[in-house]
Amino acid sequence: MGRSKTNIFLSVFDQGVCSLSNFMTAMIAARLLLPEEFAIYVMLFTAIIMLGGIQNSLVLTPLRILGIKPEREQTQDYILLQLIFQLILSTAIAFIAMVFLFLLYMELIDNTTIVVFSVTVFSIQLHEFFRVFLITQLKIQFVTLLDICVHGFRIIGLLTLYWFDLKYIEFVFLILLLAPIFSLVCLRLITPLPLSFSQFKKLVTENWAFGKWILIETVFFSLSIHLYLYLTAATLSLESAAGLGACLNIVNVVNIVIMGVSNYGTTIARTKLIKNGIDAWRNYLIKICFFILIVTFFFLIIVNVFSEILLSILFGDFYASYASLIFILSFSYILIPMNTILSISFRTLEKPQIGVISKIISVVLTAIFAYPLVSLLAENGAAIGMFVTQLTWFVVYLYYLKRGFLNEYQKKF
């Protein structure tokens, strides 16, 4: 029990390293670039997150969930197969992203930036694979050391750009590209073994059977949440998108705790379900939900009190005028801890379809209300839309819990 608590806090610390790095990256980029250029950075970085959802659906979540079974230990051949699948998938994602940007956004984004961005997608996904692999092995210390090296290099590189006044967006993504190369040190943890095509085919089939639901959920998730950022840029202006992006970066700091706990907690929850039964699983999830909910609540209070000061100091005086968005976004973020734990609940029960249902409903609502909200209420409308999305997910999750959905699995586990 003591070791589990230590690893949870270490996982939160590690997530803090990653989130702080992302936050400082946005902050330095805002100082380096003009507001319209910063908006392009925010939209491209959001695209990296969205494309990472494909990786998370088809590789990382199956690795976290299906990799933990009574009859399976995460043997070297299993991990190597996942790595091969990851390399193939990331190559395809990076290439398609590059072609898509060349075809549709050549006038808005420089060609060099598009190429560097595409390779950045690949390198970040490779790094993320090694992080999840180490987490499933409960080697949180190794994950933390790896992330300190990677993100330390990133921040030093970006500060170097700032010091020498190199105000080029492609240089920002070049630093983001090079930093994950440090993740290659993890290759020494995996010893290649002779593998057959049938083994690889079996793994891909298994990943797809489970991961297709996560993939569908991810697509609808992006349409429900990230669409508001792009709609703000298209309907209002790049400067408005930059202001919304700055506010999102500030409130996103709370993900240090939410993601830190949930990344490690998913593995522990699945293990408890398999070894100790559904009651131990439920009690564990309730405990970590209360923990991240309390931390999130106090963080949001502090951020709201100092919103204008934070935006002005961290991003620049231009962004202080968007401080009211932080208050509206806070309503969304108070729901995120509960939605995160509820999502983990259904996924660890191997029922990701529930998440898909919630995202489909929210996409329908987004399709109906997104444009009117942004048109009538500008950036405030986008923030309100994000809250409606989170509320929709929460209501759908509660509906299935109210139906006694979990009781159906009492006998199975």
Protein backbone atom coordinates (compact mmCIF):
# COMPACT_ATOMS: atom_id res chain seq x y z
CA MET A 1 0.00 0.00 0.00
CA GLY A 2 2.84 2.38 0.91
CA ARG A 3 4.57 1.71 -2.38
CA SER A 4 1.34 2.31 -4.29
CA LYS A 5 0.88 5.74 -2.65
CA THR A 6 4.50 6.63 -3.34
CA ASN A 7 4.11 5.70 -6.99
CA ILE A 8 0.89 7.71 -7.25
CA PHE A 9 2.61 10.85 -5.97
CA LEU A 10 5.62 10.17 -8.18
CA SER A 11 3.25 9.78 -11.13
CA VAL A 12 1.68 13.15 -10.27
CA PHE A 13 5.17 14.68 -10.06
CA ASP A 14 6.05 13.21 -13.45
CA GLN A 15 2.84 14.56 -14.97
CA GLY A 16 3.77 17.86 -13.41
CA VAL A 17 7.04 17.80 -15.33
CA CYS A 18 5.18 17.12 -18.60
CA SER A 19 2.39 19.62 -18.02
CA LEU A 20 4.77 22.33 -16.79
CA SER A 21 6.85 21.78 -19.92
CA ASN A 22 3.77 22.13 -22.16
CA PHE A 23 2.73 25.23 -20.24
CA MET A 24 6.18 26.83 -20.46
CA THR A 25 6.38 25.90 -24.14
CA ALA A 26 3.14 27.80 -24.79
CA MET A 27 4.29 30.70 -22.63
CA ILE A 28 7.64 31.05 -24.43
CA ALA A 29 5.94 30.64 -27.81
CA ALA A 30 3.51 33.43 -26.93
CA ARG A 31 6.47 35.68 -26.12
CA LEU A 32 8.35 34.71 -29.28
CA LEU A 33 5.51 34.88 -31.78
CA LEU A 34 2.89 37.39 -32.85
CA PRO A 35 -0.66 36.59 -31.59
CA GLU A 36 -1.74 35.23 -34.99
CA GLU A 37 1.42 33.06 -35.16
CA PHE A 38 0.81 31.87 -31.60
CA ALA A 39 -2.72 30.90 -32.65
CA ILE A 40 -1.23 28.72 -35.40
CA TYR A 41 1.12 27.15 -32.82
CA VAL A 42 -1.84 26.44 -30.49
CA MET A 43 -3.86 24.86 -33.29
CA LEU A 44 -0.94 22.71 -34.46
CA PHE A 45 -0.11 21.61 -30.91
CA THR A 46 -3.79 20.78 -30.41
CA ALA A 47 -3.55 18.73 -33.61
CA ILE A 48 -0.65 16.80 -32.05
CA ILE A 49 -2.90 15.98 -29.10
CA MET A 50 -5.75 14.96 -31.40
CA LEU A 51 -3.48 12.73 -33.51
CA GLY A 52 -2.13 11.26 -30.30
CA GLY A 53 -5.68 10.12 -29.67
CA ILE A 54 -5.34 7.63 -32.54
CA GLN A 55 -2.19 6.24 -30.96
CA ASN A 56 -3.88 6.14 -27.56
CA SER A 57 -6.87 4.29 -28.99
CA LEU A 58 -5.10 1.60 -31.00
CA VAL A 59 -1.88 1.07 -29.02
CA LEU A 60 -1.58 2.72 -25.62
CA THR A 61 -5.00 1.99 -24.11
CA PRO A 62 -4.97 -1.67 -25.24
CA LEU A 63 -1.46 -1.89 -23.76
CA ARG A 64 -2.72 -0.45 -20.46
CA ILE A 65 -5.87 -2.60 -20.31
CA LEU A 66 -5.44 -5.79 -22.36
CA GLY A 67 -1.79 -6.08 -21.41
CA ILE A 68 -2.92 -6.83 -17.87
CA LYS A 69 -4.67 -10.19 -17.76
CA PRO A 70 -4.36 -13.18 -15.43
CA GLU A 71 -2.95 -15.35 -18.23
CA ARG A 72 -0.60 -12.70 -19.66
CA GLU A 73 2.60 -11.19 -18.42
CA GLN A 74 3.99 -8.35 -20.48
CA THR A 75 6.71 -10.42 -22.09
CA GLN A 76 9.37 -8.93 -24.33
CA ASP A 77 7.82 -10.31 -27.50
CA TYR A 78 4.43 -8.78 -26.61
CA ILE A 79 6.01 -5.36 -26.01
CA LEU A 80 8.11 -5.60 -29.16
CA LEU A 81 5.01 -6.37 -31.21
CA GLN A 82 3.31 -3.31 -29.74
CA LEU A 83 6.39 -1.23 -30.59
CA ILE A 84 6.39 -2.42 -34.21
CA PHE A 85 2.69 -1.60 -34.51
CA GLN A 86 3.38 1.81 -32.93
CA LEU A 87 6.14 2.63 -35.42
CA ILE A 88 3.97 1.67 -38.40
CA LEU A 89 0.98 3.62 -37.05
CA SER A 90 2.96 6.77 -36.19
CA THR A 91 4.64 6.81 -39.59
CA ALA A 92 1.26 6.65 -41.30
CA ILE A 93 -0.23 9.34 -39.03
CA ALA A 94 2.70 11.72 -39.58
CA PHE A 95 2.61 11.25 -43.35
CA ILE A 96 -1.15 11.75 -43.62
CA ALA A 97 -0.96 14.86 -41.42
CA MET A 98 1.75 16.32 -43.64
CA VAL A 99 -0.22 15.67 -46.84
CA PHE A 100 -3.39 17.11 -45.27
CA LEU A 101 -1.66 20.34 -44.26
CA PHE A 102 0.05 20.69 -47.65
CA LEU A 103 -3.26 20.34 -49.46
CA LEU A 104 -5.39 22.60 -47.27
CA TYR A 105 -3.18 25.04 -45.38
CA MET A 106 -0.18 25.87 -47.59
CA GLU A 107 -1.19 29.55 -47.69
CA LEU A 108 -1.50 29.79 -43.92
CA ILE A 109 1.41 27.59 -42.78
CA ASP A 110 4.97 27.61 -44.17
CA ASN A 111 6.09 24.40 -45.94
CA THR A 112 9.06 23.95 -43.60
CA THR A 113 6.77 24.24 -40.59
CA ILE A 114 4.48 21.55 -42.02
CA VAL A 115 7.37 19.10 -42.51
CA VAL A 116 8.86 19.76 -39.06
CA PHE A 117 5.42 19.49 -37.48
CA SER A 118 4.81 16.09 -39.10
CA VAL A 119 8.09 14.64 -37.85
CA THR A 120 7.34 16.12 -34.42
CA VAL A 121 4.12 14.10 -34.36
CA PHE A 122 6.13 10.93 -34.92
CA SER A 123 8.80 11.65 -32.30
CA ILE A 124 6.31 12.68 -29.61
CA GLN A 125 4.25 9.54 -30.18
CA LEU A 126 7.35 7.37 -29.91
CA HIS A 127 8.22 8.99 -26.60
CA GLU A 128 4.66 8.52 -25.36
CA PHE A 129 4.81 4.81 -26.18
CA PHE A 130 7.87 4.32 -23.98
CA ARG A 131 6.24 6.30 -21.17
CA VAL A 132 3.15 4.08 -21.16
CA PHE A 133 5.26 0.92 -21.43
CA LEU A 134 7.25 1.91 -18.34
CA ILE A 135 4.07 2.88 -16.45
CA THR A 136 2.50 -0.53 -17.13
CA GLN A 137 5.69 -2.06 -15.75
CA LEU A 138 5.20 0.19 -12.67
CA LYS A 139 8.65 1.69 -13.30
CA ILE A 140 7.55 5.20 -12.39
CA GLN A 141 11.08 6.22 -11.41
CA PHE A 142 12.33 5.49 -14.94
CA VAL A 143 9.41 7.42 -16.46
CA THR A 144 10.21 10.43 -14.29
CA LEU A 145 13.91 10.42 -15.15
CA LEU A 146 13.11 10.07 -18.85
CA ASP A 147 10.64 12.97 -18.80
CA ILE A 148 12.99 15.22 -16.84
CA CYS A 149 15.64 14.70 -19.54
CA VAL A 150 13.24 15.14 -22.45
CA HIS A 151 11.38 18.16 -21.16
CA GLY A 152 14.49 19.71 -19.68
CA PHE A 153 16.04 19.65 -23.14
CA ARG A 154 12.88 21.14 -24.61
CA ILE A 155 12.76 24.10 -22.20
CA ILE A 156 16.49 24.82 -22.54
CA GLY A 157 16.12 24.76 -26.32
CA LEU A 158 13.14 27.12 -26.29
CA LEU A 159 14.84 29.52 -23.89
CA THR A 160 17.81 29.53 -26.27
CA LEU A 161 15.47 30.60 -29.09
CA TYR A 162 14.11 33.35 -26.86
CA TRP A 163 17.60 34.48 -25.80
CA PHE A 164 18.80 34.79 -29.40
CA ASP A 165 15.45 36.26 -30.54
CA LEU A 166 14.85 33.49 -33.11
CA LYS A 167 11.17 34.19 -33.75
CA TYR A 168 10.31 31.33 -36.10
CA ILE A 169 7.47 28.90 -35.46
CA GLU A 170 9.32 26.11 -37.28
CA PHE A 171 12.19 26.46 -34.76
CA VAL A 172 9.70 25.96 -31.92
CA PHE A 173 8.50 22.68 -33.44
CA LEU A 174 12.08 21.67 -34.20
CA ILE A 175 12.83 21.81 -30.47
CA LEU A 176 9.68 19.79 -29.78
CA LEU A 177 10.86 17.28 -32.38
CA LEU A 178 14.37 16.83 -31.00
CA ALA A 179 13.44 16.50 -27.32
CA PRO A 180 11.69 13.09 -27.56
CA ILE A 181 14.75 11.60 -29.25
CA PHE A 182 15.97 11.07 -25.71
CA SER A 183 13.26 8.44 -25.39
CA LEU A 184 15.38 6.16 -27.57
CA VAL A 185 17.33 5.27 -24.42
CA CYS A 186 14.32 3.13 -23.55
CA LEU A 187 15.17 0.81 -26.45
CA ARG A 188 17.69 -0.88 -24.19
CA LEU A 189 14.75 -2.09 -22.06
CA ILE A 190 13.36 -4.11 -24.97
CA THR A 191 15.29 -7.06 -26.36
CA PRO A 192 14.21 -8.04 -29.89
CA LEU A 193 13.04 -11.63 -30.19
CA PRO A 194 12.18 -13.71 -33.26
CA LEU A 195 8.58 -12.94 -34.15
CA SER A 196 6.19 -14.36 -36.68
CA PHE A 197 3.69 -12.48 -38.78
CA SER A 198 0.87 -14.48 -37.19
CA GLN A 199 1.85 -13.12 -33.76
CA PHE A 200 1.80 -9.58 -35.07
CA LYS A 201 -1.55 -10.11 -36.82
CA LYS A 202 -3.04 -11.53 -33.61
CA LEU A 203 -1.90 -8.50 -31.60
CA VAL A 204 -3.23 -5.98 -34.15
CA THR A 205 -6.57 -7.84 -34.24
CA GLU A 206 -6.81 -7.79 -30.45
CA ASN A 207 -5.85 -4.12 -30.26
CA TRP A 208 -8.40 -3.22 -32.93
CA ALA A 209 -11.24 -5.20 -31.33
CA PHE A 210 -10.85 -3.15 -28.15
CA GLY A 211 -9.24 0.01 -29.50
CA LYS A 212 -11.77 0.74 -32.24
CA TRP A 213 -14.19 1.92 -29.56
CA ILE A 214 -11.53 4.18 -28.06
CA LEU A 215 -10.73 5.48 -31.55
CA ILE A 216 -14.36 6.32 -32.28
CA GLU A 217 -14.63 7.95 -28.85
CA THR A 218 -11.45 9.96 -29.52
CA VAL A 219 -12.74 11.25 -32.86
CA PHE A 220 -16.00 12.42 -31.31
CA PHE A 221 -14.09 13.79 -28.30
CA SER A 222 -12.04 16.00 -30.61
CA LEU A 223 -15.14 17.14 -32.49
CA SER A 224 -16.83 18.00 -29.17
CA ILE A 225 -13.95 19.88 -27.54
CA HIS A 226 -11.17 20.93 -29.91
CA LEU A 227 -13.60 22.05 -32.61
CA TYR A 228 -14.35 25.14 -30.53
CA LEU A 229 -10.75 26.35 -30.81
CA TYR A 230 -10.70 25.98 -34.60
CA LEU A 231 -14.18 27.45 -34.91
CA THR A 232 -13.06 30.48 -32.90
CA ALA A 233 -10.16 31.03 -35.31
CA ALA A 234 -12.36 30.59 -38.38
CA THR A 235 -15.37 32.56 -37.18
CA LEU A 236 -13.72 35.32 -35.12
CA SER A 237 -9.97 35.76 -35.62
CA LEU A 238 -6.59 34.16 -34.97
CA GLU A 239 -6.10 36.64 -32.11
CA SER A 240 -9.29 35.36 -30.44
CA ALA A 241 -8.08 31.78 -30.83
CA ALA A 242 -4.75 32.84 -29.30
CA GLY A 243 -6.57 34.33 -26.28
CA LEU A 244 -8.65 31.19 -25.83
CA GLY A 245 -5.52 29.07 -26.21
CA ALA A 246 -3.68 31.05 -23.51
CA CYS A 247 -6.58 30.61 -21.06
CA LEU A 248 -6.78 26.88 -21.84
CA ASN A 249 -3.07 26.55 -21.15
CA ILE A 250 -3.51 28.06 -17.69
CA VAL A 251 -6.46 25.92 -16.61
CA ASN A 252 -4.83 22.86 -18.21
CA VAL A 253 -2.22 22.97 -15.45
CA VAL A 254 -4.73 21.09 -13.30
CA ASN A 255 -4.13 18.11 -15.59
CA ILE A 256 -0.89 17.63 -13.69
CA VAL A 257 -2.92 15.95 -10.98
CA ILE A 258 -5.76 14.57 -13.12
CA MET A 259 -3.53 12.86 -15.68
CA GLY A 260 -0.80 12.02 -13.20
CA VAL A 261 -3.21 10.07 -11.01
CA SER A 262 -5.23 8.55 -13.85
CA ASN A 263 -2.19 7.39 -15.89
CA TYR A 264 -0.93 5.26 -13.03
CA GLY A 265 -4.39 4.70 -11.55
CA THR A 266 -5.66 2.97 -14.69
CA THR A 267 -3.06 0.24 -14.35
CA ILE A 268 -3.71 -0.17 -10.62
CA ALA A 269 -7.50 -0.17 -11.07
CA ARG A 270 -7.30 -2.88 -13.72
CA THR A 271 -4.97 -4.94 -11.53
CA LYS A 272 -7.29 -4.61 -8.52
CA LEU A 273 -10.28 -5.63 -10.65
CA ILE A 274 -8.51 -8.76 -11.86
CA LYS A 275 -6.91 -9.78 -8.56
CA ASN A 276 -9.21 -8.42 -5.83
CA GLY A 277 -12.62 -8.06 -7.43
CA ILE A 278 -15.02 -5.27 -8.26
CA ASP A 279 -15.44 -3.95 -4.71
CA ALA A 280 -11.71 -3.24 -4.30
CA TRP A 281 -11.72 -1.75 -7.80
CA ARG A 282 -14.67 0.55 -6.98
CA ASN A 283 -13.22 1.72 -3.64
CA TYR A 284 -9.91 2.56 -5.27
CA LEU A 285 -11.51 4.63 -8.03
CA ILE A 286 -13.69 6.53 -5.53
CA LYS A 287 -10.62 7.43 -3.46
CA ILE A 288 -8.59 8.81 -6.35
CA CYS A 289 -11.66 10.64 -7.70
CA PHE A 290 -12.12 12.55 -4.43
CA PHE A 291 -8.42 13.33 -4.30
CA ILE A 292 -8.18 14.89 -7.76
CA LEU A 293 -11.56 16.62 -7.36
CA ILE A 294 -10.43 18.44 -4.20
CA VAL A 295 -7.11 19.46 -5.72
CA THR A 296 -8.84 20.66 -8.91
CA PHE A 297 -11.35 22.75 -6.94
CA PHE A 298 -8.70 24.62 -4.94
CA PHE A 299 -6.53 25.14 -8.00
CA LEU A 300 -9.41 26.69 -9.95
CA ILE A 301 -10.18 29.08 -7.09
CA ILE A 302 -6.60 30.35 -7.08
CA VAL A 303 -6.42 30.67 -10.86
CA ASN A 304 -9.66 32.67 -10.98
CA VAL A 305 -8.53 35.09 -8.29
CA PHE A 306 -5.31 35.88 -10.18
CA SER A 307 -6.47 35.29 -13.77
CA GLU A 308 -5.60 38.71 -15.23
CA ILE A 309 -2.25 38.84 -13.48
CA LEU A 310 -1.33 35.32 -14.61
CA LEU A 311 -2.24 35.98 -18.24
CA SER A 312 -0.37 39.28 -18.29
CA ILE A 313 2.79 37.99 -16.63
CA LEU A 314 2.97 34.60 -18.32
CA PHE A 315 1.71 35.35 -21.83
CA GLY A 316 1.73 39.12 -22.22
CA ASP A 317 -0.52 42.14 -21.70
CA PHE A 318 -2.51 41.36 -24.86
CA TYR A 319 -3.90 38.17 -23.29
CA ALA A 320 -5.09 39.76 -20.00
CA SER A 321 -8.29 40.96 -21.68
CA TYR A 322 -9.38 37.32 -22.07
CA ALA A 323 -9.31 36.63 -18.30
CA SER A 324 -13.09 36.19 -18.08
CA LEU A 325 -12.74 33.00 -20.13
CA ILE A 326 -10.92 31.31 -17.25
CA PHE A 327 -14.01 31.66 -15.03
CA ILE A 328 -16.26 30.03 -17.65
CA LEU A 329 -13.72 27.29 -18.42
CA SER A 330 -13.50 26.46 -14.70
CA PHE A 331 -17.01 24.98 -14.81
CA SER A 332 -15.78 22.52 -17.44
CA TYR A 333 -12.66 21.62 -15.52
CA ILE A 334 -14.48 20.85 -12.28
CA LEU A 335 -16.26 18.07 -14.20
CA ILE A 336 -13.09 16.65 -15.77
CA PRO A 337 -11.92 14.67 -12.68
CA MET A 338 -15.29 12.90 -12.41
CA ASN A 339 -15.50 12.23 -16.14
CA THR A 340 -11.93 10.92 -16.15
CA ILE A 341 -12.59 8.42 -13.38
CA LEU A 342 -15.90 7.34 -14.90
CA SER A 343 -14.16 6.80 -18.23
CA ILE A 344 -11.48 4.69 -16.52
CA SER A 345 -14.25 2.68 -14.86
CA PHE A 346 -15.88 1.62 -18.10
CA ARG A 347 -12.58 1.08 -19.91
CA THR A 348 -11.10 -1.17 -17.22
CA LEU A 349 -14.30 -3.20 -17.39
CA GLU A 350 -13.56 -3.60 -21.12
CA LYS A 351 -16.70 -1.63 -21.99
CA PRO A 352 -15.39 1.42 -23.85
CA GLN A 353 -18.64 1.58 -25.83
CA ILE A 354 -20.14 3.72 -23.06
CA GLY A 355 -17.57 6.41 -23.73
CA VAL A 356 -18.44 6.29 -27.41
CA ILE A 357 -22.12 6.84 -26.67
CA SER A 358 -21.37 9.87 -24.50
CA LYS A 359 -19.14 11.41 -27.18
CA ILE A 360 -21.66 10.82 -29.99
CA ILE A 361 -24.36 12.63 -28.02
CA SER A 362 -22.01 15.53 -27.26
CA VAL A 363 -21.03 15.83 -30.94
CA VAL A 364 -24.69 16.13 -31.90
CA LEU A 365 -25.09 18.95 -29.37
CA THR A 366 -21.88 20.58 -30.61
CA ALA A 367 -23.11 20.45 -34.20
CA ILE A 368 -26.32 22.18 -33.13
CA PHE A 369 -24.98 24.81 -30.74
CA ALA A 370 -21.29 25.45 -31.55
CA TYR A 371 -21.69 27.99 -34.36
CA PRO A 372 -24.55 29.94 -32.70
CA LEU A 373 -22.63 30.09 -29.41
CA VAL A 374 -19.42 31.38 -30.99
CA SER A 375 -21.26 33.76 -33.33
CA LEU A 376 -23.41 35.31 -30.59
CA LEU A 377 -21.07 35.15 -27.57
CA ALA A 378 -17.63 35.09 -29.27
CA GLU A 379 -14.90 33.46 -27.14
CA ASN A 380 -17.30 33.14 -24.18
CA GLY A 381 -19.54 31.01 -26.36
CA ALA A 382 -16.66 28.63 -27.10
CA ALA A 383 -15.94 28.28 -23.37
CA ILE A 384 -19.63 27.68 -22.61
CA GLY A 385 -19.73 25.04 -25.34
CA MET A 386 -16.83 23.19 -23.73
CA PHE A 387 -18.77 23.13 -20.45
CA VAL A 388 -21.88 21.76 -22.17
CA THR A 389 -19.71 19.00 -23.65
CA GLN A 390 -18.29 17.94 -20.28
CA LEU A 391 -21.75 18.10 -18.69
CA THR A 392 -23.15 15.87 -21.43
CA TRP A 393 -20.50 13.22 -20.83
CA PHE A 394 -21.14 13.32 -17.09
CA VAL A 395 -24.90 12.89 -17.49
CA VAL A 396 -24.48 9.95 -19.87
CA TYR A 397 -22.02 8.20 -17.52
CA LEU A 398 -24.39 8.71 -14.59
CA TYR A 399 -27.27 7.34 -16.64
CA TYR A 400 -25.48 4.02 -17.17
CA LEU A 401 -24.46 3.87 -13.52
CA LYS A 402 -28.06 4.58 -12.51
CA ARG A 403 -29.21 1.68 -14.68
CA GLY A 404 -27.09 -0.59 -12.51
CA PHE A 405 -24.64 -1.16 -15.34
CA LEU A 406 -21.80 -2.12 -13.00
CA ASN A 407 -23.93 -4.74 -11.28
CA GLU A 408 -23.94 -6.73 -14.54
CA TYR A 409 -20.23 -7.38 -14.06
CA GLN A 410 -20.28 -8.45 -10.43
CA LYS A 411 -20.25 -12.13 -11.43
CA LYS A 412 -17.63 -11.72 -14.14
CA PHE A 413 -15.09 -10.13 -11.84
